[in-house]
């Protein structure tokens, strides 16, 4: 593998802000944040995570050869009883198209299903975000629905696509149901 994922730490603040404030990177995600908004969001991502958390379990993508941090990826449990989490990812422009997001998503899915024992992962992306659509499909995510005019980006409402990936190995066994 060319990359690994590592827990988000305080020194990742500049990377996080650069991702969230960049017009090009954010064109299919949401309206770019101000530096102050991105810094506040980063502080929220640093809150220690546990299986009952309502926040994001966040990681950075690190190139193995250079140790350069090139993006972020994470998950947020959106239904604790059913053990369903949303996943999200962003990469610096010069790291895109190298297979890093694919590798990172594979690592995150493995952790979500094998370690966290989640039942299902979902991802929502702009319908026009062909790179994310291709990545999700490559990783086995299935299109579940089209959400019309779901997200406002730079003053324009766009359609989103919701994808899902079920962990067939846990069947109806939920880690979070009785904890």
N, C-alpha and C. Protein backbone atom coordinates (compact mmCIF):
# COMPACT_ATOMS: atom_id res chain seq x y z
N UNK A 1 0.84 -1.19 0.00
CA UNK A 1 0.00 0.00 0.00
C UNK A 1 0.88 1.24 0.00
N UNK A 2 0.43 2.23 -0.72
CA UNK A 2 1.17 3.48 -0.81
C UNK A 2 0.84 4.42 0.34
N UNK A 3 -0.28 4.19 1.01
CA UNK A 3 -0.67 5.06 2.12
C UNK A 3 -1.10 4.24 3.33
N UNK A 4 -1.19 4.95 4.43
CA UNK A 4 -1.75 4.38 5.66
C UNK A 4 -2.66 5.46 6.26
N UNK A 5 -3.52 5.05 7.17
CA UNK A 5 -4.33 6.04 7.88
C UNK A 5 -3.82 6.11 9.31
N UNK A 6 -3.79 7.34 9.82
CA UNK A 6 -3.31 7.58 11.18
C UNK A 6 -4.31 8.50 11.88
N UNK A 7 -4.49 8.33 13.19
CA UNK A 7 -5.45 9.19 13.90
C UNK A 7 -5.13 10.67 13.70
N UNK A 8 -6.18 11.46 13.56
CA UNK A 8 -6.04 12.91 13.45
C UNK A 8 -5.45 13.45 14.75
N UNK A 9 -4.43 14.30 14.63
CA UNK A 9 -3.77 14.88 15.80
C UNK A 9 -3.67 16.40 15.62
N UNK A 10 -3.31 17.09 16.68
CA UNK A 10 -3.25 18.55 16.69
C UNK A 10 -2.41 19.10 15.55
N UNK A 11 -1.31 18.44 15.23
CA UNK A 11 -0.42 18.93 14.16
C UNK A 11 -1.04 18.82 12.76
N UNK A 12 -2.21 18.22 12.63
CA UNK A 12 -2.90 18.10 11.34
C UNK A 12 -3.80 19.30 11.04
N UNK A 13 -3.79 20.29 11.92
CA UNK A 13 -4.70 21.42 11.78
C UNK A 13 -4.52 22.14 10.44
N UNK A 14 -3.30 22.41 10.03
CA UNK A 14 -3.07 23.14 8.77
C UNK A 14 -3.61 22.36 7.58
N UNK A 15 -3.39 21.05 7.56
CA UNK A 15 -3.91 20.21 6.49
C UNK A 15 -5.43 20.28 6.46
N UNK A 16 -6.06 20.13 7.60
CA UNK A 16 -7.51 20.13 7.70
C UNK A 16 -8.09 21.46 7.20
N UNK A 17 -7.49 22.55 7.64
CA UNK A 17 -7.95 23.87 7.21
C UNK A 17 -7.74 24.05 5.71
N UNK A 18 -6.61 23.61 5.20
CA UNK A 18 -6.34 23.72 3.77
C UNK A 18 -7.39 22.97 2.95
N UNK A 19 -7.81 21.80 3.40
CA UNK A 19 -8.83 21.02 2.70
C UNK A 19 -10.19 21.72 2.74
N UNK A 20 -10.59 22.15 3.91
CA UNK A 20 -11.94 22.70 4.11
C UNK A 20 -12.13 24.09 3.54
N UNK A 21 -11.05 24.80 3.26
CA UNK A 21 -11.17 26.17 2.75
C UNK A 21 -10.86 26.27 1.25
N UNK A 22 -10.47 25.18 0.63
CA UNK A 22 -10.06 25.18 -0.77
C UNK A 22 -11.28 25.06 -1.69
N UNK A 23 -11.47 26.06 -2.55
CA UNK A 23 -12.63 26.09 -3.45
C UNK A 23 -12.68 24.88 -4.37
N UNK A 24 -11.55 24.48 -4.93
CA UNK A 24 -11.51 23.36 -5.87
C UNK A 24 -11.83 22.04 -5.17
N UNK A 25 -11.21 21.80 -4.04
CA UNK A 25 -11.44 20.55 -3.30
C UNK A 25 -12.89 20.47 -2.82
N UNK A 26 -13.45 21.60 -2.43
CA UNK A 26 -14.78 21.61 -1.84
C UNK A 26 -15.91 21.73 -2.87
N UNK A 27 -15.59 21.84 -4.16
CA UNK A 27 -16.62 22.12 -5.16
C UNK A 27 -17.77 21.12 -5.18
N UNK A 28 -17.55 19.89 -4.73
CA UNK A 28 -18.61 18.89 -4.71
C UNK A 28 -18.96 18.44 -3.29
N UNK A 29 -18.45 19.16 -2.29
CA UNK A 29 -18.67 18.74 -0.90
C UNK A 29 -19.65 19.68 -0.21
N UNK A 30 -19.23 20.90 -0.01
CA UNK A 30 -20.07 21.96 0.54
C UNK A 30 -19.35 23.28 0.32
N UNK A 31 -20.02 24.38 0.61
CA UNK A 31 -19.40 25.69 0.44
C UNK A 31 -18.14 25.74 1.29
N UNK A 32 -17.02 26.17 0.70
CA UNK A 32 -15.77 26.22 1.48
C UNK A 32 -15.96 27.02 2.77
N UNK A 33 -15.30 26.57 3.82
CA UNK A 33 -15.38 27.22 5.11
C UNK A 33 -14.39 28.37 5.19
N UNK A 34 -14.63 29.27 6.12
CA UNK A 34 -13.62 30.26 6.45
C UNK A 34 -12.56 29.56 7.31
N UNK A 35 -11.44 30.19 7.49
CA UNK A 35 -10.40 29.61 8.34
C UNK A 35 -10.93 29.41 9.75
N UNK A 36 -11.67 30.37 10.27
CA UNK A 36 -12.23 30.26 11.63
C UNK A 36 -13.21 29.09 11.72
N UNK A 37 -14.07 28.94 10.72
CA UNK A 37 -15.02 27.82 10.73
C UNK A 37 -14.29 26.48 10.65
N UNK A 38 -13.27 26.41 9.81
CA UNK A 38 -12.51 25.17 9.67
C UNK A 38 -11.77 24.84 10.96
N UNK A 39 -11.23 25.84 11.62
CA UNK A 39 -10.52 25.63 12.89
C UNK A 39 -11.48 25.10 13.96
N UNK A 40 -12.69 25.64 13.99
CA UNK A 40 -13.70 25.16 14.96
C UNK A 40 -14.07 23.71 14.66
N UNK A 41 -14.29 23.40 13.39
CA UNK A 41 -14.62 22.03 13.00
C UNK A 41 -13.47 21.08 13.33
N UNK A 42 -12.24 21.52 13.11
CA UNK A 42 -11.08 20.69 13.44
C UNK A 42 -11.06 20.37 14.94
N UNK A 43 -11.33 21.37 15.78
CA UNK A 43 -11.36 21.14 17.24
C UNK A 43 -12.40 20.09 17.60
N UNK A 44 -13.54 20.11 16.91
CA UNK A 44 -14.58 19.11 17.15
C UNK A 44 -14.10 17.71 16.76
N UNK A 45 -13.31 17.62 15.71
CA UNK A 45 -12.81 16.32 15.24
C UNK A 45 -11.76 15.74 16.18
N UNK A 46 -11.15 16.59 17.01
CA UNK A 46 -10.12 16.11 17.94
C UNK A 46 -10.69 15.53 19.24
N UNK A 47 -11.98 15.71 19.46
CA UNK A 47 -12.60 15.18 20.68
C UNK A 47 -12.42 13.67 20.68
N UNK A 48 -11.94 13.10 21.80
CA UNK A 48 -11.74 11.64 21.84
C UNK A 48 -13.01 10.88 21.45
N UNK A 49 -12.82 9.85 20.65
CA UNK A 49 -13.94 9.09 20.10
C UNK A 49 -14.09 7.76 20.83
N UNK A 50 -15.32 7.32 21.02
CA UNK A 50 -15.62 5.97 21.52
C UNK A 50 -16.88 5.49 20.81
N UNK A 51 -17.22 4.24 20.96
CA UNK A 51 -18.31 3.65 20.16
C UNK A 51 -19.68 4.28 20.40
N UNK A 52 -19.84 5.08 21.44
CA UNK A 52 -21.12 5.77 21.66
C UNK A 52 -21.06 7.24 21.25
N UNK A 53 -19.95 7.65 20.66
CA UNK A 53 -19.77 9.04 20.25
C UNK A 53 -20.77 9.46 19.18
N UNK A 54 -21.08 10.75 19.20
CA UNK A 54 -21.91 11.31 18.13
C UNK A 54 -21.05 12.07 17.13
N UNK A 55 -19.76 12.16 17.38
CA UNK A 55 -18.85 12.88 16.48
C UNK A 55 -18.11 11.95 15.53
N UNK A 56 -17.16 12.52 14.82
CA UNK A 56 -16.40 11.80 13.80
C UNK A 56 -15.17 11.12 14.39
N UNK A 57 -14.89 9.92 13.93
CA UNK A 57 -13.63 9.23 14.16
C UNK A 57 -12.79 9.57 12.94
N UNK A 58 -11.78 10.43 13.12
CA UNK A 58 -11.08 11.03 11.98
C UNK A 58 -9.63 10.57 11.89
N UNK A 59 -9.19 10.41 10.65
CA UNK A 59 -7.83 9.99 10.34
C UNK A 59 -7.24 10.89 9.26
N UNK A 60 -5.91 10.88 9.18
CA UNK A 60 -5.23 11.48 8.06
C UNK A 60 -4.72 10.36 7.16
N UNK A 61 -4.55 10.68 5.89
CA UNK A 61 -3.95 9.76 4.93
C UNK A 61 -2.48 10.15 4.83
N UNK A 62 -1.60 9.17 5.04
CA UNK A 62 -0.17 9.43 5.08
C UNK A 62 0.53 8.59 4.01
N UNK A 63 1.29 9.26 3.13
CA UNK A 63 2.08 8.52 2.15
C UNK A 63 3.16 7.74 2.88
N UNK A 64 3.28 6.46 2.58
CA UNK A 64 4.25 5.63 3.28
C UNK A 64 5.70 6.00 2.98
N UNK A 65 6.01 6.35 1.72
CA UNK A 65 7.40 6.66 1.37
C UNK A 65 7.88 7.98 1.92
N UNK A 66 7.00 8.99 1.95
CA UNK A 66 7.43 10.34 2.33
C UNK A 66 6.93 10.79 3.69
N UNK A 67 5.98 10.08 4.27
CA UNK A 67 5.29 10.47 5.51
C UNK A 67 4.49 11.77 5.35
N UNK A 68 4.26 12.20 4.11
CA UNK A 68 3.47 13.40 3.84
C UNK A 68 2.00 13.09 4.07
N UNK A 69 1.31 13.98 4.77
CA UNK A 69 -0.12 13.83 5.00
C UNK A 69 -0.85 14.49 3.83
N UNK A 70 -1.74 13.72 3.19
CA UNK A 70 -2.34 14.16 1.94
C UNK A 70 -3.87 14.26 1.96
N UNK A 71 -4.50 13.95 3.08
CA UNK A 71 -5.95 14.02 3.13
C UNK A 71 -6.49 13.55 4.45
N UNK A 72 -7.81 13.49 4.51
CA UNK A 72 -8.48 13.01 5.72
C UNK A 72 -9.57 12.01 5.32
N UNK A 73 -9.91 11.16 6.25
CA UNK A 73 -10.99 10.20 6.08
C UNK A 73 -11.54 9.91 7.47
N UNK A 74 -12.80 9.57 7.53
CA UNK A 74 -13.36 9.27 8.84
C UNK A 74 -14.75 8.68 8.74
N UNK A 75 -15.29 8.37 9.90
CA UNK A 75 -16.65 7.87 9.97
C UNK A 75 -17.35 8.44 11.19
N UNK A 76 -18.66 8.50 11.07
CA UNK A 76 -19.52 9.01 12.15
C UNK A 76 -20.71 8.08 12.26
N UNK A 77 -20.92 7.53 13.43
CA UNK A 77 -22.06 6.63 13.62
C UNK A 77 -23.33 7.47 13.61
N UNK A 78 -24.22 7.15 12.69
CA UNK A 78 -25.47 7.92 12.56
C UNK A 78 -26.67 7.16 13.12
N UNK A 79 -26.50 5.88 13.41
CA UNK A 79 -27.54 5.08 14.04
C UNK A 79 -26.85 4.04 14.91
N UNK A 80 -26.75 4.35 16.20
CA UNK A 80 -26.03 3.46 17.12
C UNK A 80 -26.72 2.11 17.28
N UNK A 81 -28.03 2.11 17.34
CA UNK A 81 -28.75 0.86 17.55
C UNK A 81 -28.56 -0.09 16.38
N UNK A 82 -28.62 0.44 15.17
CA UNK A 82 -28.46 -0.41 13.98
C UNK A 82 -27.00 -0.53 13.54
N UNK A 83 -26.09 0.16 14.22
CA UNK A 83 -24.66 0.13 13.91
C UNK A 83 -24.36 0.57 12.47
N UNK A 84 -24.87 1.76 12.15
CA UNK A 84 -24.67 2.34 10.81
C UNK A 84 -23.84 3.61 10.96
N UNK A 85 -22.84 3.74 10.09
CA UNK A 85 -21.97 4.93 10.12
C UNK A 85 -21.86 5.54 8.74
N UNK A 86 -21.72 6.85 8.72
CA UNK A 86 -21.43 7.58 7.48
C UNK A 86 -19.92 7.71 7.34
N UNK A 87 -19.42 7.60 6.13
CA UNK A 87 -17.99 7.80 5.86
C UNK A 87 -17.82 9.05 5.00
N UNK A 88 -16.66 9.68 5.14
CA UNK A 88 -16.33 10.84 4.34
C UNK A 88 -14.83 10.94 4.16
N UNK A 89 -14.41 11.57 3.08
CA UNK A 89 -12.98 11.67 2.78
C UNK A 89 -12.72 12.90 1.91
N UNK A 90 -11.52 13.47 2.04
CA UNK A 90 -11.05 14.58 1.22
C UNK A 90 -9.55 14.44 1.02
N UNK A 91 -9.09 14.76 -0.17
CA UNK A 91 -7.66 14.70 -0.48
C UNK A 91 -7.18 16.01 -1.07
N UNK A 92 -5.92 16.34 -0.80
CA UNK A 92 -5.29 17.48 -1.46
C UNK A 92 -5.31 17.25 -2.97
N UNK A 93 -5.38 18.31 -3.73
CA UNK A 93 -5.46 18.19 -5.19
C UNK A 93 -4.34 17.36 -5.79
N UNK A 94 -3.11 17.56 -5.32
CA UNK A 94 -1.98 16.83 -5.91
C UNK A 94 -1.91 15.37 -5.50
N UNK A 95 -2.79 14.95 -4.57
CA UNK A 95 -2.84 13.55 -4.15
C UNK A 95 -3.97 12.79 -4.83
N UNK A 96 -4.82 13.49 -5.55
CA UNK A 96 -5.96 12.86 -6.19
C UNK A 96 -5.51 12.09 -7.43
N UNK A 97 -6.23 11.01 -7.73
CA UNK A 97 -5.94 10.22 -8.92
C UNK A 97 -4.80 9.23 -8.76
N UNK A 98 -4.33 9.02 -7.54
CA UNK A 98 -3.20 8.12 -7.28
C UNK A 98 -3.63 6.83 -6.58
N UNK A 99 -4.91 6.68 -6.34
CA UNK A 99 -5.41 5.49 -5.66
C UNK A 99 -5.39 5.60 -4.15
N UNK A 100 -5.00 6.75 -3.62
CA UNK A 100 -4.92 6.91 -2.16
C UNK A 100 -6.28 6.80 -1.49
N UNK A 101 -7.29 7.46 -2.07
CA UNK A 101 -8.62 7.41 -1.46
C UNK A 101 -9.16 5.99 -1.46
N UNK A 102 -8.90 5.25 -2.52
CA UNK A 102 -9.35 3.86 -2.60
C UNK A 102 -8.70 3.02 -1.51
N UNK A 103 -7.40 3.18 -1.35
CA UNK A 103 -6.69 2.43 -0.31
C UNK A 103 -7.19 2.82 1.09
N UNK A 104 -7.37 4.12 1.31
CA UNK A 104 -7.81 4.60 2.62
C UNK A 104 -9.22 4.12 2.93
N UNK A 105 -10.10 4.16 1.93
CA UNK A 105 -11.47 3.70 2.16
C UNK A 105 -11.49 2.20 2.45
N UNK A 106 -10.66 1.44 1.76
CA UNK A 106 -10.56 0.01 2.05
C UNK A 106 -10.10 -0.22 3.49
N UNK A 107 -9.11 0.53 3.94
CA UNK A 107 -8.62 0.40 5.32
C UNK A 107 -9.71 0.79 6.33
N UNK A 108 -10.43 1.87 6.03
CA UNK A 108 -11.48 2.31 6.93
C UNK A 108 -12.63 1.30 6.99
N UNK A 109 -13.01 0.74 5.85
CA UNK A 109 -14.07 -0.28 5.82
C UNK A 109 -13.66 -1.51 6.63
N UNK A 110 -12.41 -1.92 6.47
CA UNK A 110 -11.92 -3.07 7.24
C UNK A 110 -12.01 -2.80 8.73
N UNK A 111 -11.59 -1.61 9.16
CA UNK A 111 -11.67 -1.27 10.58
C UNK A 111 -13.13 -1.20 11.03
N UNK A 112 -13.97 -0.56 10.22
CA UNK A 112 -15.38 -0.40 10.60
C UNK A 112 -16.07 -1.75 10.79
N UNK A 113 -15.78 -2.68 9.90
CA UNK A 113 -16.45 -3.97 9.96
C UNK A 113 -15.76 -4.96 10.89
N UNK A 114 -14.45 -5.02 10.88
CA UNK A 114 -13.72 -6.03 11.66
C UNK A 114 -13.46 -5.62 13.10
N UNK A 115 -13.16 -4.35 13.31
CA UNK A 115 -12.81 -3.88 14.66
C UNK A 115 -14.02 -3.27 15.36
N UNK A 116 -14.71 -2.35 14.68
CA UNK A 116 -15.86 -1.67 15.29
C UNK A 116 -17.14 -2.48 15.19
N UNK A 117 -17.12 -3.53 14.36
CA UNK A 117 -18.26 -4.43 14.20
C UNK A 117 -19.53 -3.71 13.73
N UNK A 118 -19.34 -2.72 12.86
CA UNK A 118 -20.49 -2.00 12.32
C UNK A 118 -21.24 -2.87 11.31
N UNK A 119 -22.52 -2.62 11.17
CA UNK A 119 -23.37 -3.37 10.25
C UNK A 119 -23.35 -2.77 8.84
N UNK A 120 -23.32 -1.43 8.76
CA UNK A 120 -23.44 -0.79 7.46
C UNK A 120 -22.70 0.54 7.45
N UNK A 121 -22.13 0.85 6.27
CA UNK A 121 -21.53 2.16 6.03
C UNK A 121 -22.32 2.84 4.92
N UNK A 122 -22.51 4.14 5.06
CA UNK A 122 -23.15 4.93 4.02
C UNK A 122 -22.24 6.09 3.64
N UNK A 123 -22.38 6.55 2.42
CA UNK A 123 -21.64 7.71 1.94
C UNK A 123 -22.58 8.53 1.08
N UNK A 124 -22.51 9.85 1.25
CA UNK A 124 -23.33 10.76 0.46
C UNK A 124 -22.38 11.66 -0.30
N UNK A 125 -22.59 11.74 -1.62
CA UNK A 125 -21.74 12.63 -2.43
C UNK A 125 -22.58 13.33 -3.48
N UNK A 126 -22.10 14.47 -3.94
CA UNK A 126 -22.80 15.21 -4.99
C UNK A 126 -22.90 14.32 -6.23
N UNK A 127 -24.05 14.36 -6.88
CA UNK A 127 -24.27 13.54 -8.06
C UNK A 127 -23.24 13.83 -9.15
N UNK A 128 -22.74 15.04 -9.21
CA UNK A 128 -21.77 15.42 -10.23
C UNK A 128 -20.33 15.07 -9.85
N UNK A 129 -20.12 14.52 -8.68
CA UNK A 129 -18.77 14.18 -8.22
C UNK A 129 -18.40 12.78 -8.75
N UNK A 130 -18.04 12.75 -10.02
CA UNK A 130 -17.79 11.47 -10.68
C UNK A 130 -16.64 10.68 -10.04
N UNK A 131 -15.65 11.36 -9.50
CA UNK A 131 -14.53 10.66 -8.87
C UNK A 131 -14.99 9.92 -7.62
N UNK A 132 -15.79 10.55 -6.79
CA UNK A 132 -16.29 9.89 -5.58
C UNK A 132 -17.26 8.77 -5.93
N UNK A 133 -18.12 9.01 -6.92
CA UNK A 133 -19.05 7.97 -7.36
C UNK A 133 -18.27 6.73 -7.81
N UNK A 134 -17.25 6.93 -8.64
CA UNK A 134 -16.44 5.80 -9.13
C UNK A 134 -15.74 5.09 -7.98
N UNK A 135 -15.20 5.85 -7.03
CA UNK A 135 -14.51 5.27 -5.88
C UNK A 135 -15.46 4.41 -5.05
N UNK A 136 -16.62 4.95 -4.74
CA UNK A 136 -17.58 4.20 -3.92
C UNK A 136 -18.02 2.92 -4.62
N UNK A 137 -18.29 3.01 -5.91
CA UNK A 137 -18.69 1.82 -6.64
C UNK A 137 -17.56 0.79 -6.69
N UNK A 138 -16.34 1.25 -6.87
CA UNK A 138 -15.17 0.35 -6.90
C UNK A 138 -15.03 -0.40 -5.58
N UNK A 139 -15.38 0.25 -4.48
CA UNK A 139 -15.25 -0.37 -3.17
C UNK A 139 -16.48 -1.21 -2.79
N UNK A 140 -17.43 -1.33 -3.70
CA UNK A 140 -18.58 -2.20 -3.46
C UNK A 140 -19.80 -1.50 -2.90
N UNK A 141 -19.75 -0.19 -2.71
CA UNK A 141 -20.92 0.54 -2.24
C UNK A 141 -21.99 0.51 -3.34
N UNK A 142 -23.24 0.36 -2.93
CA UNK A 142 -24.36 0.29 -3.86
C UNK A 142 -25.20 1.57 -3.76
N UNK A 143 -25.62 2.09 -4.92
CA UNK A 143 -26.47 3.27 -4.94
C UNK A 143 -27.81 2.93 -4.28
N UNK A 144 -28.20 3.74 -3.29
CA UNK A 144 -29.46 3.51 -2.59
C UNK A 144 -30.53 4.53 -2.97
N UNK A 145 -30.12 5.78 -3.16
CA UNK A 145 -31.11 6.79 -3.53
C UNK A 145 -30.45 8.06 -4.04
N UNK A 146 -31.24 8.81 -4.80
CA UNK A 146 -30.84 10.14 -5.26
C UNK A 146 -31.62 11.13 -4.42
N UNK A 147 -30.93 12.06 -3.81
CA UNK A 147 -31.54 13.07 -2.95
C UNK A 147 -31.58 14.39 -3.72
N UNK A 148 -32.75 14.77 -4.19
CA UNK A 148 -32.91 15.96 -5.02
C UNK A 148 -32.66 17.24 -4.22
N UNK A 149 -31.89 18.15 -4.81
CA UNK A 149 -31.63 19.46 -4.20
C UNK A 149 -31.29 19.33 -2.71
N UNK A 150 -30.39 18.44 -2.40
CA UNK A 150 -30.11 18.07 -1.01
C UNK A 150 -29.07 18.94 -0.31
N UNK A 151 -28.09 19.42 -1.04
CA UNK A 151 -26.99 20.16 -0.43
C UNK A 151 -26.78 21.48 -1.15
N UNK A 152 -26.59 22.55 -0.38
CA UNK A 152 -26.29 23.84 -0.97
C UNK A 152 -24.78 24.03 -1.02
N UNK A 153 -24.26 24.26 -2.21
CA UNK A 153 -22.83 24.52 -2.41
C UNK A 153 -22.70 25.83 -3.16
N UNK A 154 -22.09 26.79 -2.51
CA UNK A 154 -21.89 28.11 -3.12
C UNK A 154 -23.20 28.71 -3.64
N UNK A 155 -24.26 28.57 -2.87
CA UNK A 155 -25.53 29.19 -3.21
C UNK A 155 -26.40 28.41 -4.20
N UNK A 156 -25.96 27.23 -4.60
CA UNK A 156 -26.72 26.41 -5.54
C UNK A 156 -27.03 25.06 -4.89
N UNK A 157 -28.29 24.66 -4.97
CA UNK A 157 -28.66 23.35 -4.44
C UNK A 157 -28.35 22.26 -5.46
N UNK A 158 -27.69 21.20 -5.00
CA UNK A 158 -27.29 20.10 -5.89
C UNK A 158 -27.91 18.80 -5.39
N UNK A 159 -28.05 17.86 -6.33
CA UNK A 159 -28.51 16.52 -5.98
C UNK A 159 -27.36 15.74 -5.37
N UNK A 160 -27.66 14.93 -4.39
CA UNK A 160 -26.69 14.02 -3.80
C UNK A 160 -27.08 12.59 -4.10
N UNK A 161 -26.10 11.72 -4.07
CA UNK A 161 -26.32 10.28 -4.18
C UNK A 161 -25.94 9.64 -2.86
N UNK A 162 -26.77 8.75 -2.40
CA UNK A 162 -26.50 8.02 -1.14
C UNK A 162 -26.15 6.59 -1.51
N UNK A 163 -24.96 6.18 -1.06
CA UNK A 163 -24.47 4.82 -1.30
C UNK A 163 -24.39 4.08 0.02
N UNK A 164 -24.52 2.75 -0.03
CA UNK A 164 -24.43 1.94 1.17
C UNK A 164 -23.60 0.68 0.93
N UNK A 165 -22.95 0.23 1.99
CA UNK A 165 -22.17 -1.01 1.97
C UNK A 165 -22.49 -1.76 3.26
N UNK A 166 -23.05 -2.96 3.13
CA UNK A 166 -23.45 -3.77 4.28
C UNK A 166 -22.35 -4.75 4.62
N UNK A 167 -22.11 -4.88 5.91
CA UNK A 167 -21.15 -5.86 6.42
C UNK A 167 -21.88 -7.19 6.56
N UNK A 168 -21.71 -8.05 5.61
CA UNK A 168 -22.39 -9.34 5.64
C UNK A 168 -21.87 -10.27 6.72
N UNK A 169 -20.71 -9.97 7.29
CA UNK A 169 -20.12 -10.88 8.28
C UNK A 169 -20.72 -10.74 9.66
N UNK A 170 -21.43 -9.64 9.94
CA UNK A 170 -21.99 -9.48 11.28
C UNK A 170 -23.47 -9.81 11.35
N UNK A 171 -24.09 -10.02 10.20
CA UNK A 171 -25.52 -10.34 10.14
C UNK A 171 -26.31 -9.41 11.05
N UNK A 172 -27.00 -9.94 12.02
CA UNK A 172 -27.82 -9.12 12.90
C UNK A 172 -27.19 -8.90 14.28
N UNK A 173 -25.91 -9.10 14.40
CA UNK A 173 -25.18 -8.94 15.64
C UNK A 173 -24.68 -7.51 15.74
N UNK A 174 -25.20 -6.69 16.64
CA UNK A 174 -24.81 -5.29 16.75
C UNK A 174 -24.03 -5.06 18.03
N UNK A 175 -22.85 -4.53 17.87
CA UNK A 175 -22.01 -4.20 19.02
C UNK A 175 -22.66 -3.14 19.88
N UNK A 176 -23.36 -2.20 19.28
CA UNK A 176 -23.84 -1.02 20.00
C UNK A 176 -25.21 -1.22 20.62
N UNK A 177 -25.89 -2.30 20.31
CA UNK A 177 -27.26 -2.50 20.74
C UNK A 177 -27.39 -2.56 22.26
N UNK A 178 -26.47 -3.26 22.91
CA UNK A 178 -26.60 -3.45 24.35
C UNK A 178 -25.51 -2.76 25.16
N UNK A 179 -24.73 -1.93 24.51
CA UNK A 179 -23.64 -1.23 25.24
C UNK A 179 -24.02 0.18 25.58
